[in-house]
Amino acid sequence: MIVSAHQPHFLPWIGYINRIFLSDVFVIMDNMEYTRNNYISRNRIISPNGVTYISIPIAYKGNSHRLISDVSIDKKRYIHYIKKHIETIRHSYSKKPGFSNFFPVLESVFLNPANDLLSLNMSLLNTLLSYLNIETKIILASSLNIKGKKESDLFIELSKKTLCMSVLLGLGASTKYINKEQVSKSKVELLFQKFKHPEYIQGERTFTSGVSVIDLIFNVTQKEAEKMIKNAGSFEKKI
């Protein structure tokens, strides 16, 4: 079986979802340190004005060095942000093929948030995977007591704790810092994601890749979105 892992992104891009599909088990690295202004709390969509960020307001009281699992949502600002995002999404995609099927579900998650960012991201991820008929098992790293270690140690730990003998690394993963001898002795097989970004009609603009997967979901039918994501990647062995 294949395991892969990543931090919990907010409405992640297609490549992230494709790697989940290619895996039997996907571990959410919720026990890593949170950093501001990254894809854990924001992402991009295509609005009539072009590429637009939508984000979740974070409460920054107290120690700024926090684990992802400890990051709280700023409830006072959240409603204002979400109402604005909902209107932006509606204005951007209401006439698109996938809007009527997916928007009500997405809106429901947005309007019934948990207190923390991790729970919101998990609810959104589960909603996406359900819509796309992806049944990969999702596990929190904190529940397995897996911590962010050196690459080779982490791969071996992921394999051991999930009973998966193959670890799938994402795009851009380098073999530079991998202890090949250590990995070889552990019998862990390292796989590398091969991904080709699908293109689809986003409107009259030149195609923009790397935005949130909801851009694809809204722009095409459910069956087309599922097919594009599942056919977008595979994996190979480099070590």
C-alpha atoms as a PDB file:
ATOM      1  CA  MET A   1       0.000   0.000   0.000  1.00  0.00           C
ATOM      2  CA  ILE A   2       1.031   3.625  -0.571  1.00  0.00           C
ATOM      3  CA  VAL A   3       1.132   6.425   2.005  1.00  0.00           C
ATOM      4  CA  SER A   4       1.784  10.112   1.417  1.00  0.00           C
ATOM      5  CA  ALA A   5       1.681  13.146   3.686  1.00  0.00           C
ATOM      6  CA  HIS A   6       1.330  16.917   3.572  1.00  0.00           C
ATOM      7  CA  GLN A   7       0.267  19.899   5.641  1.00  0.00           C
ATOM      8  CA  PRO A   8      -3.499  20.622   5.617  1.00  0.00           C
ATOM      9  CA  HIS A   9      -4.054  23.133   2.830  1.00  0.00           C
ATOM     10  CA  PHE A  10      -7.096  25.385   2.494  1.00  0.00           C
ATOM     11  CA  LEU A  11      -9.050  24.340  -0.623  1.00  0.00           C
ATOM     12  CA  PRO A  12      -5.884  22.816  -2.149  1.00  0.00           C
ATOM     13  CA  TRP A  13      -4.842  22.718  -5.788  1.00  0.00           C
ATOM     14  CA  ILE A  14      -5.388  19.823  -8.193  1.00  0.00           C
ATOM     15  CA  GLY A  15      -1.937  18.294  -7.678  1.00  0.00           C
ATOM     16  CA  TYR A  16      -2.589  17.921  -3.947  1.00  0.00           C
ATOM     17  CA  ILE A  17      -5.871  16.116  -4.567  1.00  0.00           C
ATOM     18  CA  ASN A  18      -4.284  13.903  -7.227  1.00  0.00           C
ATOM     19  CA  ARG A  19      -1.609  12.751  -4.759  1.00  0.00           C
ATOM     20  CA  ILE A  20      -4.324  11.841  -2.262  1.00  0.00           C
ATOM     21  CA  PHE A  21      -6.050   9.808  -4.982  1.00  0.00           C
ATOM     22  CA  LEU A  22      -2.803   7.981  -5.791  1.00  0.00           C
ATOM     23  CA  SER A  23      -2.381   7.019  -2.125  1.00  0.00           C
ATOM     24  CA  ASP A  24      -4.083   4.389   0.009  1.00  0.00           C
ATOM     25  CA  VAL A  25      -3.409   6.461   3.133  1.00  0.00           C
ATOM     26  CA  PHE A  26      -2.865  10.228   3.341  1.00  0.00           C
ATOM     27  CA  VAL A  27      -1.408  11.675   6.533  1.00  0.00           C
ATOM     28  CA  ILE A  28      -2.256  15.276   7.413  1.00  0.00           C
ATOM     29  CA  MET A  29       0.826  16.808   9.064  1.00  0.00           C
ATOM     30  CA  ASP A  30      -1.069  18.796  11.657  1.00  0.00           C
ATOM     31  CA  ASN A  31       1.754  18.745  14.214  1.00  0.00           C
ATOM     32  CA  MET A  32       4.140  20.931  12.213  1.00  0.00           C
ATOM     33  CA  GLU A  33       4.663  24.612  12.973  1.00  0.00           C
ATOM     34  CA  TYR A  34       2.194  27.001  11.355  1.00  0.00           C
ATOM     35  CA  THR A  35       3.631  29.723   9.133  1.00  0.00           C
ATOM     36  CA  ARG A  36       1.736  32.789   7.980  1.00  0.00           C
ATOM     37  CA  ASN A  37       0.710  33.641   4.445  1.00  0.00           C
ATOM     38  CA  ASN A  38       0.834  30.179   2.950  1.00  0.00           C
ATOM     39  CA  TYR A  39      -1.677  27.706   1.572  1.00  0.00           C
ATOM     40  CA  ILE A  40      -2.728  26.457   4.998  1.00  0.00           C
ATOM     41  CA  SER A  41      -5.001  29.478   5.389  1.00  0.00           C
ATOM     42  CA  ARG A  42      -5.472  30.865   1.879  1.00  0.00           C
ATOM     43  CA  ASN A  43      -5.681  29.941  -1.792  1.00  0.00           C
ATOM     44  CA  ARG A  44      -6.472  31.392  -5.195  1.00  0.00           C
ATOM     45  CA  ILE A  45      -9.466  31.293  -7.500  1.00  0.00           C
ATOM     46  CA  ILE A  46     -10.217  32.938 -10.844  1.00  0.00           C
ATOM     47  CA  SER A  47     -12.651  35.842 -10.523  1.00  0.00           C
ATOM     48  CA  PRO A  48     -13.795  38.272 -13.240  1.00  0.00           C
ATOM     49  CA  ASN A  49     -10.854  40.443 -12.147  1.00  0.00           C
ATOM     50  CA  GLY A  50      -8.325  37.644 -12.569  1.00  0.00           C
ATOM     51  CA  VAL A  51      -6.461  35.619  -9.951  1.00  0.00           C
ATOM     52  CA  THR A  52      -7.963  36.395  -6.532  1.00  0.00           C
ATOM     53  CA  TYR A  53      -6.973  35.209  -3.064  1.00  0.00           C
ATOM     54  CA  ILE A  54      -9.541  33.952  -0.575  1.00  0.00           C
ATOM     55  CA  SER A  55      -8.339  33.434   2.972  1.00  0.00           C
ATOM     56  CA  ILE A  56      -9.320  32.562   6.520  1.00  0.00           C
ATOM     57  CA  PRO A  57      -8.621  35.141   9.275  1.00  0.00           C
ATOM     58  CA  ILE A  58      -6.359  33.745  11.977  1.00  0.00           C
ATOM     59  CA  ALA A  59      -6.295  34.721  15.663  1.00  0.00           C
ATOM     60  CA  TYR A  60      -2.727  35.760  16.509  1.00  0.00           C
ATOM     61  CA  LYS A  61      -2.996  36.262  20.258  1.00  0.00           C
ATOM     62  CA  GLY A  62      -0.235  34.797  22.397  1.00  0.00           C
ATOM     63  CA  ASN A  63       2.753  32.854  21.129  1.00  0.00           C
ATOM     64  CA  SER A  64       3.174  33.134  17.367  1.00  0.00           C
ATOM     65  CA  HIS A  65       5.042  29.803  17.276  1.00  0.00           C
ATOM     66  CA  ARG A  66       2.173  27.334  17.171  1.00  0.00           C
ATOM     67  CA  LEU A  67       1.483  23.955  15.719  1.00  0.00           C
ATOM     68  CA  ILE A  68      -1.025  23.853  12.877  1.00  0.00           C
ATOM     69  CA  SER A  69      -3.414  21.944  15.143  1.00  0.00           C
ATOM     70  CA  ASP A  70      -3.386  24.854  17.611  1.00  0.00           C
ATOM     71  CA  VAL A  71      -4.261  27.650  15.179  1.00  0.00           C
ATOM     72  CA  SER A  72      -7.592  29.319  15.964  1.00  0.00           C
ATOM     73  CA  ILE A  73      -9.878  31.168  13.580  1.00  0.00           C
ATOM     74  CA  ASP A  74     -10.588  34.823  14.331  1.00  0.00           C
ATOM     75  CA  LYS A  75     -14.349  34.476  14.779  1.00  0.00           C
ATOM     76  CA  LYS A  76     -14.957  38.240  14.876  1.00  0.00           C
ATOM     77  CA  ARG A  77     -13.600  38.656  11.360  1.00  0.00           C
ATOM     78  CA  TYR A  78     -14.592  35.255   9.995  1.00  0.00           C
ATOM     79  CA  ILE A  79     -18.220  36.028   9.110  1.00  0.00           C
ATOM     80  CA  HIS A  80     -17.216  39.168   7.217  1.00  0.00           C
ATOM     81  CA  TYR A  81     -14.509  37.280   5.317  1.00  0.00           C
ATOM     82  CA  ILE A  82     -16.728  34.327   4.465  1.00  0.00           C
ATOM     83  CA  LYS A  83     -19.694  36.399   3.299  1.00  0.00           C
ATOM     84  CA  LYS A  84     -17.326  38.270   1.008  1.00  0.00           C
ATOM     85  CA  HIS A  85     -15.761  35.031  -0.263  1.00  0.00           C
ATOM     86  CA  ILE A  86     -19.153  33.426  -0.862  1.00  0.00           C
ATOM     87  CA  GLU A  87     -20.247  36.395  -2.953  1.00  0.00           C
ATOM     88  CA  THR A  88     -16.956  36.377  -4.864  1.00  0.00           C
ATOM     89  CA  ILE A  89     -17.348  32.669  -5.621  1.00  0.00           C
ATOM     90  CA  ARG A  90     -20.998  33.099  -6.615  1.00  0.00           C
ATOM     91  CA  HIS A  91     -20.166  36.043  -8.882  1.00  0.00           C
ATOM     92  CA  SER A  92     -17.241  34.151 -10.445  1.00  0.00           C
ATOM     93  CA  TYR A  93     -18.838  30.757 -11.038  1.00  0.00           C
ATOM     94  CA  SER A  94     -22.654  30.935 -10.845  1.00  0.00           C
ATOM     95  CA  LYS A  95     -23.050  30.337 -14.587  1.00  0.00           C
ATOM     96  CA  LYS A  96     -20.527  27.487 -14.731  1.00  0.00           C
ATOM     97  CA  PRO A  97     -21.500  23.784 -15.228  1.00  0.00           C
ATOM     98  CA  GLY A  98     -20.509  22.544 -11.767  1.00  0.00           C
ATOM     99  CA  PHE A  99     -21.854  25.422  -9.690  1.00  0.00           C
ATOM    100  CA  SER A 100     -25.341  24.139  -8.845  1.00  0.00           C
ATOM    101  CA  ASN A 101     -24.029  20.789  -7.590  1.00  0.00           C
ATOM    102  CA  PHE A 102     -21.072  21.900  -5.502  1.00  0.00           C
ATOM    103  CA  PHE A 103     -21.724  25.453  -4.304  1.00  0.00           C
ATOM    104  CA  PRO A 104     -24.491  24.623  -1.768  1.00  0.00           C
ATOM    105  CA  VAL A 105     -22.249  22.018  -0.114  1.00  0.00           C
ATOM    106  CA  LEU A 106     -19.273  24.376   0.014  1.00  0.00           C
ATOM    107  CA  GLU A 107     -21.403  27.213   1.362  1.00  0.00           C
ATOM    108  CA  SER A 108     -22.764  24.958   4.112  1.00  0.00           C
ATOM    109  CA  VAL A 109     -19.243  24.134   5.323  1.00  0.00           C
ATOM    110  CA  PHE A 110     -18.231  27.793   5.259  1.00  0.00           C
ATOM    111  CA  LEU A 111     -21.271  28.885   7.262  1.00  0.00           C
ATOM    112  CA  ASN A 112     -20.842  26.187   9.922  1.00  0.00           C
ATOM    113  CA  PRO A 113     -17.154  26.406  10.824  1.00  0.00           C
ATOM    114  CA  ALA A 114     -15.285  24.954  13.756  1.00  0.00           C
ATOM    115  CA  ASN A 115     -13.198  27.137  16.048  1.00  0.00           C
ATOM    116  CA  ASP A 116      -9.858  26.081  14.604  1.00  0.00           C
ATOM    117  CA  LEU A 117      -8.294  26.165  11.155  1.00  0.00           C
ATOM    118  CA  LEU A 118      -7.428  22.461  11.067  1.00  0.00           C
ATOM    119  CA  SER A 119     -11.049  21.405  11.590  1.00  0.00           C
ATOM    120  CA  LEU A 120     -12.242  23.767   8.853  1.00  0.00           C
ATOM    121  CA  ASN A 121      -9.607  22.533   6.413  1.00  0.00           C
ATOM    122  CA  MET A 122     -10.458  18.915   7.218  1.00  0.00           C
ATOM    123  CA  SER A 123     -14.177  19.544   6.654  1.00  0.00           C
ATOM    124  CA  LEU A 124     -13.440  21.196   3.325  1.00  0.00           C
ATOM    125  CA  LEU A 125     -11.061  18.400   2.288  1.00  0.00           C
ATOM    126  CA  ASN A 126     -13.579  15.688   3.180  1.00  0.00           C
ATOM    127  CA  THR A 127     -16.220  17.573   1.179  1.00  0.00           C
ATOM    128  CA  LEU A 128     -13.934  17.735  -1.852  1.00  0.00           C
ATOM    129  CA  LEU A 129     -12.980  14.060  -1.665  1.00  0.00           C
ATOM    130  CA  SER A 130     -16.596  12.972  -1.283  1.00  0.00           C
ATOM    131  CA  TYR A 131     -17.644  15.019  -4.323  1.00  0.00           C
ATOM    132  CA  LEU A 132     -14.805  13.524  -6.376  1.00  0.00           C
ATOM    133  CA  ASN A 133     -15.418   9.936  -5.202  1.00  0.00           C
ATOM    134  CA  ILE A 134     -11.950   9.591  -3.676  1.00  0.00           C
ATOM    135  CA  GLU A 135     -11.924   7.083  -0.827  1.00  0.00           C
ATOM    136  CA  THR A 136      -8.335   7.381   0.424  1.00  0.00           C
ATOM    137  CA  LYS A 137      -8.021   6.975   4.191  1.00  0.00           C
ATOM    138  CA  ILE A 138      -7.157  10.305   5.851  1.00  0.00           C
ATOM    139  CA  ILE A 139      -5.229  10.269   9.148  1.00  0.00           C
ATOM    140  CA  LEU A 140      -3.857  13.066  11.348  1.00  0.00           C
ATOM    141  CA  ALA A 141      -0.130  12.803  12.087  1.00  0.00           C
ATOM    142  CA  SER A 142      -0.830  13.792  15.689  1.00  0.00           C
ATOM    143  CA  SER A 143      -2.969  10.677  16.138  1.00  0.00           C
ATOM    144  CA  LEU A 144      -0.022   8.524  15.056  1.00  0.00           C
ATOM    145  CA  ASN A 145       2.531  10.482  17.086  1.00  0.00           C
ATOM    146  CA  ILE A 146       4.456  11.205  13.891  1.00  0.00           C
ATOM    147  CA  LYS A 147       6.560  14.345  14.164  1.00  0.00           C
ATOM    148  CA  GLY A 148       8.399  16.390  11.571  1.00  0.00           C
ATOM    149  CA  LYS A 149      11.805  14.709  11.475  1.00  0.00           C
ATOM    150  CA  LYS A 150      14.572  14.502   8.904  1.00  0.00           C
ATOM    151  CA  GLU A 151      13.272  13.281   5.560  1.00  0.00           C
ATOM    152  CA  SER A 152      14.513   9.696   5.754  1.00  0.00           C
ATOM    153  CA  ASP A 153      13.367   9.234   9.348  1.00  0.00           C
ATOM    154  CA  LEU A 154       9.941  10.646   8.512  1.00  0.00           C
ATOM    155  CA  PHE A 155       9.454   8.362   5.517  1.00  0.00           C
ATOM    156  CA  ILE A 156      10.341   5.294   7.573  1.00  0.00           C
ATOM    157  CA  GLU A 157       8.075   6.410  10.417  1.00  0.00           C
ATOM    158  CA  LEU A 158       5.166   7.012   8.035  1.00  0.00           C
ATOM    159  CA  SER A 159       5.599   3.543   6.596  1.00  0.00           C
ATOM    160  CA  LYS A 160       5.833   1.888  10.001  1.00  0.00           C
ATOM    161  CA  LYS A 161       2.847   3.666  11.577  1.00  0.00           C
ATOM    162  CA  THR A 162       0.500   3.188   8.609  1.00  0.00           C
ATOM    163  CA  LEU A 163       1.668  -0.300   7.560  1.00  0.00           C
ATOM    164  CA  CYS A 164       2.362   0.987   4.046  1.00  0.00           C
ATOM    165  CA  MET A 165       5.602  -0.132   2.424  1.00  0.00           C
ATOM    166  CA  SER A 166       5.591   2.617  -0.237  1.00  0.00           C
ATOM    167  CA  VAL A 167       5.828   6.363   0.457  1.00  0.00           C
ATOM    168  CA  LEU A 168       4.676   8.743  -2.291  1.00  0.00           C
ATOM    169  CA  LEU A 169       6.476  12.093  -2.431  1.00  0.00           C
ATOM    170  CA  GLY A 170       4.972  15.169  -4.038  1.00  0.00           C
ATOM    171  CA  LEU A 171       6.056  17.330  -6.954  1.00  0.00           C
ATOM    172  CA  GLY A 172       9.447  18.928  -6.567  1.00  0.00           C
ATOM    173  CA  ALA A 173      10.599  16.439  -3.944  1.00  0.00           C
ATOM    174  CA  SER A 174      14.376  16.088  -4.018  1.00  0.00           C
ATOM    175  CA  THR A 175      16.517  13.043  -3.296  1.00  0.00           C
ATOM    176  CA  LYS A 176      19.370  15.314  -2.154  1.00  0.00           C
ATOM    177  CA  TYR A 177      18.721  14.989   1.576  1.00  0.00           C
ATOM    178  CA  ILE A 178      17.503  11.399   1.571  1.00  0.00           C
ATOM    179  CA  ASN A 179      19.716   8.821   3.252  1.00  0.00           C
ATOM    180  CA  LYS A 180      19.427   6.183   0.548  1.00  0.00           C
ATOM    181  CA  GLU A 181      21.203   3.509   2.585  1.00  0.00           C
ATOM    182  CA  GLN A 182      18.910   4.065   5.570  1.00  0.00           C
ATOM    183  CA  VAL A 183      15.793   3.919   3.400  1.00  0.00           C
ATOM    184  CA  SER A 184      17.039   0.809   1.615  1.00  0.00           C
ATOM    185  CA  LYS A 185      17.684  -1.028   4.874  1.00  0.00           C
ATOM    186  CA  SER A 186      14.187  -0.192   6.090  1.00  0.00           C
ATOM    187  CA  LYS A 187      12.648  -1.830   2.986  1.00  0.00           C
ATOM    188  CA  VAL A 188      10.620   1.333   2.360  1.00  0.00           C
ATOM    189  CA  GLU A 189       9.962   2.075  -1.314  1.00  0.00           C
ATOM    190  CA  LEU A 190      10.038   5.767  -2.268  1.00  0.00           C
ATOM    191  CA  LEU A 191       7.760   6.830  -5.116  1.00  0.00           C
ATOM    192  CA  PHE A 192       7.623  10.246  -6.791  1.00  0.00           C
ATOM    193  CA  GLN A 193       4.488  11.863  -8.151  1.00  0.00           C
ATOM    194  CA  LYS A 194       4.361  12.522 -11.895  1.00  0.00           C
ATOM    195  CA  PHE A 195       1.760  15.193 -12.562  1.00  0.00           C
ATOM    196  CA  LYS A 196       0.489  16.955 -15.666  1.00  0.00           C
ATOM    197  CA  HIS A 197      -1.872  19.813 -14.902  1.00  0.00           C
ATOM    198  CA  PRO A 198      -5.154  19.370 -16.807  1.00  0.00           C
ATOM    199  CA  GLU A 199      -6.376  22.359 -18.788  1.00  0.00           C
ATOM    200  CA  TYR A 200     -10.013  23.373 -19.064  1.00  0.00           C
ATOM    201  CA  ILE A 201     -11.991  26.456 -20.033  1.00  0.00           C
ATOM    202  CA  GLN A 202     -11.747  29.143 -17.346  1.00  0.00           C
ATOM    203  CA  GLY A 203     -13.527  31.794 -19.351  1.00  0.00           C
ATOM    204  CA  GLU A 204     -12.058  34.199 -21.862  1.00  0.00           C
ATOM    205  CA  ARG A 205      -8.706  34.496 -20.071  1.00  0.00           C
ATOM    206  CA  THR A 206      -5.523  32.551 -20.756  1.00  0.00           C
ATOM    207  CA  PHE A 207      -5.484  29.381 -18.665  1.00  0.00           C
ATOM    208  CA  THR A 208      -3.980  29.764 -15.182  1.00  0.00           C
ATOM    209  CA  SER A 209      -2.690  26.634 -13.469  1.00  0.00           C
ATOM    210  CA  GLY A 210      -2.106  25.983  -9.779  1.00  0.00           C
ATOM    211  CA  VAL A 211      -5.249  27.626  -8.411  1.00  0.00           C
ATOM    212  CA  SER A 212      -7.644  25.935  -5.980  1.00  0.00           C
ATOM    213  CA  VAL A 213      -9.299  22.735  -7.172  1.00  0.00           C
ATOM    214  CA  ILE A 214     -12.690  24.417  -6.764  1.00  0.00           C
ATOM    215  CA  ASP A 215     -11.946  26.366  -9.952  1.00  0.00           C
ATOM    216  CA  LEU A 216     -11.973  23.082 -11.879  1.00  0.00           C
ATOM    217  CA  ILE A 217     -14.957  21.737  -9.943  1.00  0.00           C
ATOM    218  CA  PHE A 218     -17.073  24.768 -10.811  1.00  0.00           C
ATOM    219  CA  ASN A 219     -15.966  25.045 -14.442  1.00  0.00           C
ATOM    220  CA  VAL A 220     -16.824  21.475 -15.482  1.00  0.00           C
ATOM    221  CA  THR A 221     -19.325  18.773 -14.560  1.00  0.00           C
ATOM    222  CA  GLN A 222     -18.757  16.437 -11.606  1.00  0.00           C
ATOM    223  CA  LYS A 223     -17.827  13.513 -13.855  1.00  0.00           C
ATOM    224  CA  GLU A 224     -15.392  15.638 -15.846  1.00  0.00           C
ATOM    225  CA  ALA A 225     -13.729  16.995 -12.693  1.00  0.00           C
ATOM    226  CA  GLU A 226     -13.344  13.514 -11.226  1.00  0.00           C
ATOM    227  CA  LYS A 227     -11.885  12.134 -14.451  1.00  0.00           C
ATOM    228  CA  MET A 228      -9.447  15.026 -14.938  1.00  0.00           C
ATOM    229  CA  ILE A 229      -8.097  14.830 -11.398  1.00  0.00           C
ATOM    230  CA  LYS A 230      -7.738  11.055 -11.336  1.00  0.00           C
ATOM    231  CA  ASN A 231      -6.037  10.989 -14.750  1.00  0.00           C
ATOM    232  CA  ALA A 232      -3.704  13.914 -14.042  1.00  0.00           C
ATOM    233  CA  GLY A 233      -0.910  11.958 -12.413  1.00  0.00           C
ATOM    234  CA  SER A 234       0.922   8.742 -11.720  1.00  0.00           C
ATOM    235  CA  PHE A 235       4.130   7.882  -9.890  1.00  0.00           C
ATOM    236  CA  GLU A 236       7.605   6.560 -10.558  1.00  0.00           C
ATOM    237  CA  LYS A 237      10.489   5.130  -8.577  1.00  0.00           C
ATOM    238  CA  LYS A 238      13.777   7.086  -8.700  1.00  0.00           C
ATOM    239  CA  ILE A 239      15.784   5.408  -5.924  1.00  0.00           C
END
